C-alpha atoms as a PDB file:
ATOM      1  CA  UNK A   1      89.545  97.861 110.402  1.00  0.00           C
ATOM      2  CA  UNK A   2      91.503  96.448 107.700  1.00  0.00           C
ATOM      3  CA  UNK A   3      94.065  98.876 105.110  1.00  0.00           C
ATOM      4  CA  UNK A   4      93.826  97.912 101.529  1.00  0.00           C
ATOM      5  CA  UNK A   5      94.981 100.345  99.454  1.00  0.00           C
ATOM      6  CA  UNK A   6      96.166  99.869  95.363  1.00  0.00           C
ATOM      7  CA  UNK A   7      97.633 103.006  94.769  1.00  0.00           C
ATOM      8  CA  UNK A   8     100.976 104.150  92.609  1.00  0.00           C
ATOM      9  CA  UNK A   9     103.788 103.061  92.609  1.00  0.00           C
ATOM     10  CA  UNK A  10     106.124 105.795  95.621  1.00  0.00           C
ATOM     11  CA  UNK A  11     102.718 106.592  97.404  1.00  0.00           C
ATOM     12  CA  UNK A  12     102.202 106.150 101.453  1.00  0.00           C
ATOM     13  CA  UNK A  13      98.771 104.588 102.430  1.00  0.00           C
ATOM     14  CA  UNK A  14      98.521 106.964 104.989  1.00  0.00           C
ATOM     15  CA  UNK A  15      98.412 107.478 108.971  1.00  0.00           C
ATOM     16  CA  UNK A  16      95.811 106.435 110.795  1.00  0.00           C
ATOM     17  CA  UNK A  17      95.245 107.915 114.520  1.00  0.00           C
ATOM     18  CA  UNK A  18      93.904 107.380 117.970  1.00  0.00           C
ATOM     19  CA  UNK A  19      93.448 110.218 119.862  1.00  0.00           C
ATOM     20  CA  UNK A  20      92.917 109.229 123.172  1.00  0.00           C
ATOM     21  CA  UNK A  21      96.358 106.902 122.797  1.00  0.00           C
ATOM     22  CA  UNK A  22      98.219 109.825 121.184  1.00  0.00           C
ATOM     23  CA  UNK A  23      99.836 106.871 118.677  1.00  0.00           C
ATOM     24  CA  UNK A  24      99.289 106.739 115.382  1.00  0.00           C
ATOM     25  CA  UNK A  25     100.124 103.353 113.606  1.00  0.00           C
ATOM     26  CA  UNK A  26     101.474 103.710 109.419  1.00  0.00           C
ATOM     27  CA  UNK A  27      98.444 101.754 106.945  1.00  0.00           C
ATOM     28  CA  UNK A  28     100.723  99.450 105.215  1.00  0.00           C
ATOM     29  CA  UNK A  29      98.876  97.115 102.747  1.00  0.00           C
ATOM     30  CA  UNK A  30      97.118  94.279 104.575  1.00  0.00           C
ATOM     31  CA  UNK A  31      97.509  95.734 108.029  1.00  0.00           C
ATOM     32  CA  UNK A  32      95.054  95.285 110.353  1.00  0.00           C
ATOM     33  CA  UNK A  33      94.007  97.961 113.927  1.00  0.00           C
ATOM     34  CA  UNK A  34      91.667  96.460 116.612  1.00  0.00           C
ATOM     35  CA  UNK A  35      90.786  99.068 118.045  1.00  0.00           C
ATOM     36  CA  UNK A  36      86.798 100.661 119.932  1.00  0.00           C
ATOM     37  CA  UNK A  37      85.574 103.116 117.360  1.00  0.00           C
ATOM     38  CA  UNK A  38      83.837 104.874 120.547  1.00  0.00           C
ATOM     39  CA  UNK A  39      86.899 107.152 121.627  1.00  0.00           C
ATOM     40  CA  UNK A  40      88.094 110.028 119.149  1.00  0.00           C
ATOM     41  CA  UNK A  41      90.266 108.425 116.248  1.00  0.00           C
ATOM     42  CA  UNK A  42      90.477 109.678 112.327  1.00  0.00           C
ATOM     43  CA  UNK A  43      93.931 109.386 109.539  1.00  0.00           C
ATOM     44  CA  UNK A  44      95.225 111.096 107.091  1.00  0.00           C
ATOM     45  CA  UNK A  45      94.404 110.709 103.110  1.00  0.00           C
ATOM     46  CA  UNK A  46      97.235 109.317 101.324  1.00  0.00           C
ATOM     47  CA  UNK A  47     100.823 110.623 101.181  1.00  0.00           C
ATOM     48  CA  UNK A  48     102.487 111.308  97.784  1.00  0.00           C
ATOM     49  CA  UNK A  49     105.976 110.989  96.991  1.00  0.00           C
ATOM     50  CA  UNK A  50     108.398 113.741  98.092  1.00  0.00           C
ATOM     51  CA  UNK A  51     108.219 116.452  94.716  1.00  0.00           C
ATOM     52  CA  UNK A  52     104.833 115.216  93.555  1.00  0.00           C
ATOM     53  CA  UNK A  53     103.198 118.760  92.930  1.00  0.00           C
ATOM     54  CA  UNK A  54      99.723 117.354  90.445  1.00  0.00           C
ATOM     55  CA  UNK A  55      97.477 115.407  92.797  1.00  0.00           C
ATOM     56  CA  UNK A  56      96.792 112.160  91.630  1.00  0.00           C
ATOM     57  CA  UNK A  57      93.270 110.785  91.502  1.00  0.00           C
ATOM     58  CA  UNK A  58      93.771 107.549  93.539  1.00  0.00           C
ATOM     59  CA  UNK A  59      94.360 111.218  96.785  1.00  0.00           C
ATOM     60  CA  UNK A  60      91.186 112.017  96.465  1.00  0.00           C
ATOM     61  CA  UNK A  61      87.893 110.856  97.193  1.00  0.00           C
END
């Protein structure tokens, strides 16, 4: 999996979880992760900066 997000300044790309291993990775720009998709996995949406009250359109599908 490749992380290639273009988010506004201050936003974090989110985190990717490998549940079977109990670990997560931050999805920084241009990060590549290799894993077996047959195991349980998931992630978070982009994370807004502290104090951001309005949902930015970049944070939703």
